[in-house]
PDB file of N, CA and C in Angstrom:
ATOM      1  N   UNK A   1      72.877  47.980  88.559  1.00  0.00           N
ATOM      2  CA  UNK A   1      72.520  49.156  87.786  1.00  0.00           C
ATOM      3  C   UNK A   1      73.431  49.316  86.578  1.00  0.00           C
ATOM      4  N   UNK A   2      74.714  49.147  86.810  1.00  0.00           N
ATOM      5  CA  UNK A   2      75.670  49.299  85.714  1.00  0.00           C
ATOM      6  C   UNK A   2      75.468  48.209  84.669  1.00  0.00           C
ATOM      7  N   UNK A   3      74.928  47.070  85.087  1.00  0.00           N
ATOM      8  CA  UNK A   3      74.686  45.980  84.150  1.00  0.00           C
ATOM      9  C   UNK A   3      73.678  46.379  83.069  1.00  0.00           C
ATOM     10  N   UNK A   4      72.738  47.230  83.416  1.00  0.00           N
ATOM     11  CA  UNK A   4      71.762  47.708  82.427  1.00  0.00           C
ATOM     12  C   UNK A   4      72.487  48.485  81.339  1.00  0.00           C
ATOM     13  N   UNK A   5      73.414  49.314  81.747  1.00  0.00           N
ATOM     14  CA  UNK A   5      74.169  50.112  80.782  1.00  0.00           C
ATOM     15  C   UNK A   5      75.057  49.227  79.923  1.00  0.00           C
ATOM     16  N   UNK A   6      75.731  48.286  80.541  1.00  0.00           N
ATOM     17  CA  UNK A   6      76.614  47.395  79.788  1.00  0.00           C
ATOM     18  C   UNK A   6      75.819  46.552  78.795  1.00  0.00           C
ATOM     19  N   UNK A   7      74.674  46.048  79.228  1.00  0.00           N
ATOM     20  CA  UNK A   7      73.826  45.252  78.331  1.00  0.00           C
ATOM     21  C   UNK A   7      73.313  46.099  77.165  1.00  0.00           C
ATOM     22  N   UNK A   8      72.861  47.303  77.461  1.00  0.00           N
ATOM     23  CA  UNK A   8      72.372  48.194  76.404  1.00  0.00           C
ATOM     24  C   UNK A   8      73.488  48.561  75.439  1.00  0.00           C
ATOM     25  N   UNK A   9      74.675  48.746  75.953  1.00  0.00           N
ATOM     26  CA  UNK A   9      75.818  49.061  75.103  1.00  0.00           C
ATOM     27  C   UNK A   9      76.148  47.880  74.194  1.00  0.00           C
ATOM     28  N   UNK A  10      76.153  46.686  74.742  1.00  0.00           N
ATOM     29  CA  UNK A  10      76.446  45.494  73.946  1.00  0.00           C
ATOM     30  C   UNK A  10      75.382  45.212  72.898  1.00  0.00           C
ATOM     31  N   UNK A  11      74.145  45.565  73.205  1.00  0.00           N
ATOM     32  CA  UNK A  11      73.034  45.324  72.278  1.00  0.00           C
ATOM     33  C   UNK A  11      72.750  46.526  71.376  1.00  0.00           C
ATOM     34  N   UNK A  12      73.532  47.576  71.500  1.00  0.00           N
ATOM     35  CA  UNK A  12      73.338  48.814  70.729  1.00  0.00           C
ATOM     36  C   UNK A  12      71.929  49.380  70.897  1.00  0.00           C
ATOM     37  N   UNK A  13      71.401  49.294  72.095  1.00  0.00           N
ATOM     38  CA  UNK A  13      70.082  49.843  72.409  1.00  0.00           C
ATOM     39  C   UNK A  13      70.272  51.255  72.955  1.00  0.00           C
ATOM     40  N   UNK A  14      70.273  52.209  72.067  1.00  0.00           N
ATOM     41  CA  UNK A  14      70.563  53.592  72.452  1.00  0.00           C
ATOM     42  C   UNK A  14      69.502  54.194  73.361  1.00  0.00           C
ATOM     43  N   UNK A  15      68.271  53.798  73.209  1.00  0.00           N
ATOM     44  CA  UNK A  15      67.199  54.347  74.041  1.00  0.00           C
ATOM     45  C   UNK A  15      67.397  53.956  75.500  1.00  0.00           C
ATOM     46  N   UNK A  16      67.617  52.678  75.746  1.00  0.00           N
ATOM     47  CA  UNK A  16      67.836  52.207  77.115  1.00  0.00           C
ATOM     48  C   UNK A  16      69.125  52.783  77.666  1.00  0.00           C
ATOM     49  N   UNK A  17      70.160  52.833  76.836  1.00  0.00           N
ATOM     50  CA  UNK A  17      71.451  53.365  77.263  1.00  0.00           C
ATOM     51  C   UNK A  17      71.322  54.817  77.708  1.00  0.00           C
ATOM     52  N   UNK A  18      70.671  55.625  76.910  1.00  0.00           N
ATOM     53  CA  UNK A  18      70.510  57.031  77.276  1.00  0.00           C
ATOM     54  C   UNK A  18      69.659  57.189  78.535  1.00  0.00           C
ATOM     55  N   UNK A  19      68.566  56.449  78.626  1.00  0.00           N
ATOM     56  CA  UNK A  19      67.713  56.533  79.814  1.00  0.00           C
ATOM     57  C   UNK A  19      68.476  56.155  81.079  1.00  0.00           C
ATOM     58  N   UNK A  20      69.262  55.088  80.997  1.00  0.00           N
ATOM     59  CA  UNK A  20      70.036  54.652  82.161  1.00  0.00           C
ATOM     60  C   UNK A  20      71.091  55.682  82.542  1.00  0.00           C
ATOM     61  N   UNK A  21      71.749  56.255  81.559  1.00  0.00           N
ATOM     62  CA  UNK A  21      72.773  57.266  81.842  1.00  0.00           C
ATOM     63  C   UNK A  21      72.167  58.521  82.465  1.00  0.00           C
ATOM     64  N   UNK A  22      71.005  58.893  82.003  1.00  0.00           N
ATOM     65  CA  UNK A  22      70.314  60.048  82.587  1.00  0.00           C
ATOM     66  C   UNK A  22      69.986  59.764  84.049  1.00  0.00           C
ATOM     67  N   UNK A  23      69.550  58.557  84.337  1.00  0.00           N
ATOM     68  CA  UNK A  23      69.253  58.183  85.726  1.00  0.00           C
ATOM     69  C   UNK A  23      70.512  58.205  86.591  1.00  0.00           C
ATOM     70  N   UNK A  24      71.622  57.730  86.054  1.00  0.00           N
ATOM     71  CA  UNK A  24      72.887  57.794  86.788  1.00  0.00           C
ATOM     72  C   UNK A  24      73.231  59.249  87.101  1.00  0.00           C
ATOM     73  N   UNK A  25      73.038  60.135  86.140  1.00  0.00           N
ATOM     74  CA  UNK A  25      73.343  61.555  86.357  1.00  0.00           C
ATOM     75  C   UNK A  25      72.434  62.162  87.424  1.00  0.00           C
ATOM     76  N   UNK A  26      71.173  61.820  87.399  1.00  0.00           N
ATOM     77  CA  UNK A  26      70.258  62.341  88.413  1.00  0.00           C
ATOM     78  C   UNK A  26      70.633  61.838  89.802  1.00  0.00           C
ATOM     79  N   UNK A  27      71.003  60.576  89.891  1.00  0.00           N
ATOM     80  CA  UNK A  27      71.422  60.031  91.184  1.00  0.00           C
ATOM     81  C   UNK A  27      72.724  60.676  91.658  1.00  0.00           C
ATOM     82  N   UNK A  28      73.616  60.948  90.729  1.00  0.00           N
ATOM     83  CA  UNK A  28      74.889  61.584  91.090  1.00  0.00           C
ATOM     84  C   UNK A  28      74.660  62.988  91.648  1.00  0.00           C
ATOM     85  N   UNK A  29      73.662  63.670  91.152  1.00  0.00           N
ATOM     86  CA  UNK A  29      73.352  65.002  91.661  1.00  0.00           C
ATOM     87  C   UNK A  29      72.760  64.936  93.064  1.00  0.00           C
ATOM     88  N   UNK A  30      71.966  63.928  93.319  1.00  0.00           N
ATOM     89  CA  UNK A  30      71.286  63.805  94.608  1.00  0.00           C
ATOM     90  C   UNK A  30      72.187  63.167  95.663  1.00  0.00           C
ATOM     91  N   UNK A  31      72.822  62.064  95.321  1.00  0.00           N
ATOM     92  CA  UNK A  31      73.632  61.319  96.290  1.00  0.00           C
ATOM     93  C   UNK A  31      74.910  60.786  95.635  1.00  0.00           C
ATOM     94  N   UNK A  32      75.888  61.643  95.394  1.00  0.00           N
ATOM     95  CA  UNK A  32      77.117  61.208  94.714  1.00  0.00           C
ATOM     96  C   UNK A  32      77.918  60.179  95.502  1.00  0.00           C
ATOM     97  N   UNK A  33      77.793  60.170  96.815  1.00  0.00           N
ATOM     98  CA  UNK A  33      78.548  59.220  97.630  1.00  0.00           C
ATOM     99  C   UNK A  33      78.133  57.780  97.366  1.00  0.00           C
ATOM    100  N   UNK A  34      76.968  57.592  96.806  1.00  0.00           N
ATOM    101  CA  UNK A  34      76.505  56.260  96.452  1.00  0.00           C
ATOM    102  C   UNK A  34      77.479  55.579  95.482  1.00  0.00           C
ATOM    103  N   UNK A  35      78.152  56.373  94.658  1.00  0.00           N
ATOM    104  CA  UNK A  35      79.033  55.841  93.627  1.00  0.00           C
ATOM    105  C   UNK A  35      80.494  55.770  94.050  1.00  0.00           C
ATOM    106  N   UNK A  36      80.803  56.204  95.244  1.00  0.00           N
ATOM    107  CA  UNK A  36      82.191  56.266  95.695  1.00  0.00           C
ATOM    108  C   UNK A  36      82.885  54.913  95.619  1.00  0.00           C
ATOM    109  N   UNK A  37      82.238  53.896  96.113  1.00  0.00           N
ATOM    110  CA  UNK A  37      82.853  52.571  96.192  1.00  0.00           C
ATOM    111  C   UNK A  37      83.182  51.994  94.809  1.00  0.00           C
ATOM    112  N   UNK A  38      82.344  52.243  93.830  1.00  0.00           N
ATOM    113  CA  UNK A  38      82.501  51.661  92.496  1.00  0.00           C
ATOM    114  C   UNK A  38      82.885  52.674  91.425  1.00  0.00           C
ATOM    115  N   UNK A  39      83.408  53.819  91.836  1.00  0.00           N
ATOM    116  CA  UNK A  39      83.684  54.873  90.864  1.00  0.00           C
ATOM    117  C   UNK A  39      84.685  54.424  89.808  1.00  0.00           C
ATOM    118  N   UNK A  40      85.722  53.739  90.222  1.00  0.00           N
ATOM    119  CA  UNK A  40      86.749  53.306  89.262  1.00  0.00           C
ATOM    120  C   UNK A  40      86.145  52.358  88.224  1.00  0.00           C
ATOM    121  N   UNK A  41      85.341  51.413  88.655  1.00  0.00           N
ATOM    122  CA  UNK A  41      84.704  50.469  87.735  1.00  0.00           C
ATOM    123  C   UNK A  41      83.752  51.191  86.780  1.00  0.00           C
ATOM    124  N   UNK A  42      83.004  52.141  87.307  1.00  0.00           N
ATOM    125  CA  UNK A  42      82.101  52.918  86.458  1.00  0.00           C
ATOM    126  C   UNK A  42      82.886  53.746  85.452  1.00  0.00           C
ATOM    127  N   UNK A  43      83.999  54.302  85.894  1.00  0.00           N
ATOM    128  CA  UNK A  43      84.831  55.092  84.989  1.00  0.00           C
ATOM    129  C   UNK A  43      85.300  54.230  83.818  1.00  0.00           C
ATOM    130  N   UNK A  44      85.751  53.046  84.109  1.00  0.00           N
ATOM    131  CA  UNK A  44      86.229  52.156  83.049  1.00  0.00           C
ATOM    132  C   UNK A  44      85.094  51.742  82.113  1.00  0.00           C
ATOM    133  N   UNK A  45      83.946  51.425  82.667  1.00  0.00           N
ATOM    134  CA  UNK A  45      82.801  51.016  81.850  1.00  0.00           C
ATOM    135  C   UNK A  45      82.265  52.170  81.005  1.00  0.00           C
ATOM    136  N   UNK A  46      82.153  53.335  81.606  1.00  0.00           N
ATOM    137  CA  UNK A  46      81.604  54.487  80.893  1.00  0.00           C
ATOM    138  C   UNK A  46      82.576  55.046  79.864  1.00  0.00           C
ATOM    139  N   UNK A  47      83.859  54.800  80.039  1.00  0.00           N
ATOM    140  CA  UNK A  47      84.848  55.297  79.078  1.00  0.00           C
ATOM    141  C   UNK A  47      84.624  54.695  77.698  1.00  0.00           C
ATOM    142  N   UNK A  48      84.157  53.462  77.656  1.00  0.00           N
ATOM    143  CA  UNK A  48      83.882  52.847  76.355  1.00  0.00           C
ATOM    144  C   UNK A  48      82.698  53.521  75.657  1.00  0.00           C
ATOM    145  N   UNK A  49      81.784  54.076  76.426  1.00  0.00           N
ATOM    146  CA  UNK A  49      80.661  54.808  75.840  1.00  0.00           C
ATOM    147  C   UNK A  49      81.152  56.103  75.218  1.00  0.00           C
ATOM    148  N   UNK A  50      82.038  56.776  75.911  1.00  0.00           N
ATOM    149  CA  UNK A  50      82.585  58.037  75.403  1.00  0.00           C
ATOM    150  C   UNK A  50      83.429  57.784  74.154  1.00  0.00           C
ATOM    151  N   UNK A  51      84.148  56.673  74.135  1.00  0.00           N
ATOM    152  CA  UNK A  51      85.042  56.371  73.013  1.00  0.00           C
ATOM    153  C   UNK A  51      84.292  55.999  71.736  1.00  0.00           C
ATOM    154  N   UNK A  52      83.117  55.424  71.888  1.00  0.00           N
ATOM    155  CA  UNK A  52      82.347  55.010  70.711  1.00  0.00           C
ATOM    156  C   UNK A  52      81.754  56.245  70.041  1.00  0.00           C
ATOM    157  N   UNK A  53      81.929  56.357  68.740  1.00  0.00           N
ATOM    158  CA  UNK A  53      81.487  57.592  68.076  1.00  0.00           C
ATOM    159  C   UNK A  53      80.461  57.370  66.967  1.00  0.00           C
ATOM    160  N   UNK A  54      79.769  56.252  66.967  1.00  0.00           N
ATOM    161  CA  UNK A  54      78.794  56.016  65.908  1.00  0.00           C
ATOM    162  C   UNK A  54      77.350  55.933  66.413  1.00  0.00           C
ATOM    163  N   UNK A  55      77.046  56.676  67.468  1.00  0.00           N
ATOM    164  CA  UNK A  55      75.670  56.731  67.969  1.00  0.00           C
ATOM    165  C   UNK A  55      74.825  57.608  67.055  1.00  0.00           C
ATOM    166  N   UNK A  56      73.569  57.245  66.887  1.00  0.00           N
ATOM    167  CA  UNK A  56      72.671  58.117  66.141  1.00  0.00           C
ATOM    168  C   UNK A  56      72.304  59.333  66.990  1.00  0.00           C
ATOM    169  N   UNK A  57      72.251  59.142  68.302  1.00  0.00           N
ATOM    170  CA  UNK A  57      71.990  60.235  69.234  1.00  0.00           C
ATOM    171  C   UNK A  57      73.329  60.647  69.848  1.00  0.00           C
ATOM    172  N   UNK A  58      73.848  61.770  69.429  1.00  0.00           N
ATOM    173  CA  UNK A  58      75.189  62.194  69.843  1.00  0.00           C
ATOM    174  C   UNK A  58      75.272  62.601  71.315  1.00  0.00           C
ATOM    175  N   UNK A  59      74.155  62.855  71.951  1.00  0.00           N
ATOM    176  CA  UNK A  59      74.201  63.265  73.360  1.00  0.00           C
ATOM    177  C   UNK A  59      74.565  62.114  74.287  1.00  0.00           C
ATOM    178  N   UNK A  60      74.468  60.886  73.800  1.00  0.00           N
ATOM    179  CA  UNK A  60      74.810  59.729  74.631  1.00  0.00           C
ATOM    180  C   UNK A  60      76.253  59.816  75.096  1.00  0.00           C
ATOM    181  N   UNK A  61      77.154  60.255  74.241  1.00  0.00           N
ATOM    182  CA  UNK A  61      78.567  60.346  74.609  1.00  0.00           C
ATOM    183  C   UNK A  61      78.815  61.386  75.689  1.00  0.00           C
ATOM    184  N   UNK A  62      77.946  62.348  75.814  1.00  0.00           N
ATOM    185  CA  UNK A  62      78.121  63.414  76.800  1.00  0.00           C
ATOM    186  C   UNK A  62      77.633  63.012  78.191  1.00  0.00           C
ATOM    187  N   UNK A  63      76.727  62.071  78.251  1.00  0.00           N
ATOM    188  CA  UNK A  63      76.142  61.678  79.532  1.00  0.00           C
ATOM    189  C   UNK A  63      77.178  61.130  80.522  1.00  0.00           C
ATOM    190  N   UNK A  64      78.078  60.222  80.105  1.00  0.00           N
ATOM    191  CA  UNK A  64      79.081  59.740  81.069  1.00  0.00           C
ATOM    192  C   UNK A  64      80.023  60.847  81.553  1.00  0.00           C
ATOM    193  N   UNK A  65      80.366  61.761  80.669  1.00  0.00           N
ATOM    194  CA  UNK A  65      81.237  62.877  81.060  1.00  0.00           C
ATOM    195  C   UNK A  65      80.531  63.741  82.095  1.00  0.00           C
ATOM    196  N   UNK A  66      79.264  63.993  81.860  1.00  0.00           N
ATOM    197  CA  UNK A  66      78.474  64.764  82.823  1.00  0.00           C
ATOM    198  C   UNK A  66      78.419  64.046  84.170  1.00  0.00           C
ATOM    199  N   UNK A  67      78.273  62.732  84.135  1.00  0.00           N
ATOM    200  CA  UNK A  67      78.255  61.937  85.363  1.00  0.00           C
ATOM    201  C   UNK A  67      79.565  62.104  86.127  1.00  0.00           C
ATOM    202  N   UNK A  68      80.689  61.938  85.440  1.00  0.00           N
ATOM    203  CA  UNK A  68      82.000  62.052  86.091  1.00  0.00           C
ATOM    204  C   UNK A  68      82.202  63.433  86.697  1.00  0.00           C
ATOM    205  N   UNK A  69      81.852  64.448  85.956  1.00  0.00           N
ATOM    206  CA  UNK A  69      82.019  65.821  86.439  1.00  0.00           C
ATOM    207  C   UNK A  69      81.154  66.055  87.671  1.00  0.00           C
ATOM    208  N   UNK A  70      79.936  65.590  87.644  1.00  0.00           N
ATOM    209  CA  UNK A  70      79.035  65.771  88.776  1.00  0.00           C
ATOM    210  C   UNK A  70      79.587  65.108  90.034  1.00  0.00           C
ATOM    211  N   UNK A  71      80.019  63.863  89.909  1.00  0.00           N
ATOM    212  CA  UNK A  71      80.540  63.145  91.073  1.00  0.00           C
ATOM    213  C   UNK A  71      81.815  63.806  91.586  1.00  0.00           C
ATOM    214  N   UNK A  72      82.727  64.146  90.696  1.00  0.00           N
ATOM    215  CA  UNK A  72      84.007  64.731  91.102  1.00  0.00           C
ATOM    216  C   UNK A  72      83.815  66.109  91.726  1.00  0.00           C
ATOM    217  N   UNK A  73      82.880  66.893  91.230  1.00  0.00           N
ATOM    218  CA  UNK A  73      82.615  68.200  91.832  1.00  0.00           C
ATOM    219  C   UNK A  73      82.096  68.068  93.257  1.00  0.00           C
ATOM    220  N   UNK A  74      81.299  67.056  93.502  1.00  0.00           N
ATOM    221  CA  UNK A  74      80.674  66.905  94.813  1.00  0.00           C
ATOM    222  C   UNK A  74      81.544  66.143  95.814  1.00  0.00           C
ATOM    223  N   UNK A  75      82.328  65.177  95.331  1.00  0.00           N
ATOM    224  CA  UNK A  75      83.246  64.459  96.214  1.00  0.00           C
ATOM    225  C   UNK A  75      84.606  64.302  95.513  1.00  0.00           C
ATOM    226  N   UNK A  76      85.417  65.345  95.532  1.00  0.00           N
ATOM    227  CA  UNK A  76      86.692  65.319  94.805  1.00  0.00           C
ATOM    228  C   UNK A  76      87.663  64.238  95.289  1.00  0.00           C
ATOM    229  N   UNK A  77      87.516  63.777  96.502  1.00  0.00           N
ATOM    230  CA  UNK A  77      88.416  62.735  97.003  1.00  0.00           C
ATOM    231  C   UNK A  77      88.271  61.420  96.257  1.00  0.00           C
ATOM    232  N   UNK A  78      87.174  61.214  95.558  1.00  0.00           N
ATOM    233  CA  UNK A  78      86.965  59.976  94.834  1.00  0.00           C
ATOM    234  C   UNK A  78      88.028  59.810  93.743  1.00  0.00           C
ATOM    235  N   UNK A  79      88.502  60.886  93.202  1.00  0.00           N
ATOM    236  CA  UNK A  79      89.529  60.826  92.169  1.00  0.00           C
ATOM    237  C   UNK A  79      90.905  60.626  92.773  1.00  0.00           C
ATOM    238  N   UNK A  80      91.135  61.213  93.894  1.00  0.00           N
ATOM    239  CA  UNK A  80      92.431  61.106  94.542  1.00  0.00           C
ATOM    240  C   UNK A  80      92.711  59.683  95.000  1.00  0.00           C
ATOM    241  N   UNK A  81      91.664  58.953  95.335  1.00  0.00           N
ATOM    242  CA  UNK A  81      91.809  57.590  95.848  1.00  0.00           C
ATOM    243  C   UNK A  81      92.408  56.665  94.792  1.00  0.00           C
ATOM    244  N   UNK A  82      91.898  56.724  93.570  1.00  0.00           N
ATOM    245  CA  UNK A  82      92.344  55.815  92.499  1.00  0.00           C
ATOM    246  C   UNK A  82      93.180  56.561  91.492  1.00  0.00           C
TER     247      UNK A  82
END
């Protein structure tokens, strides 16, 4: 799943990137524990999305932050682990 985001980021495909991030956020709301095992890797990968500031659609940068907040609110121990 994360490979879709990484590929879209490398190819500057903002449409696919935003769609994938929205799906990650929806999954985080429904089943945040799904991301527990790979949270650190996702954090590192998504941080590059937040750092990039030349998107035509500015909401893309907010999607990873929303994802992190959603997961941390629902399972705060995920942050304490790493």
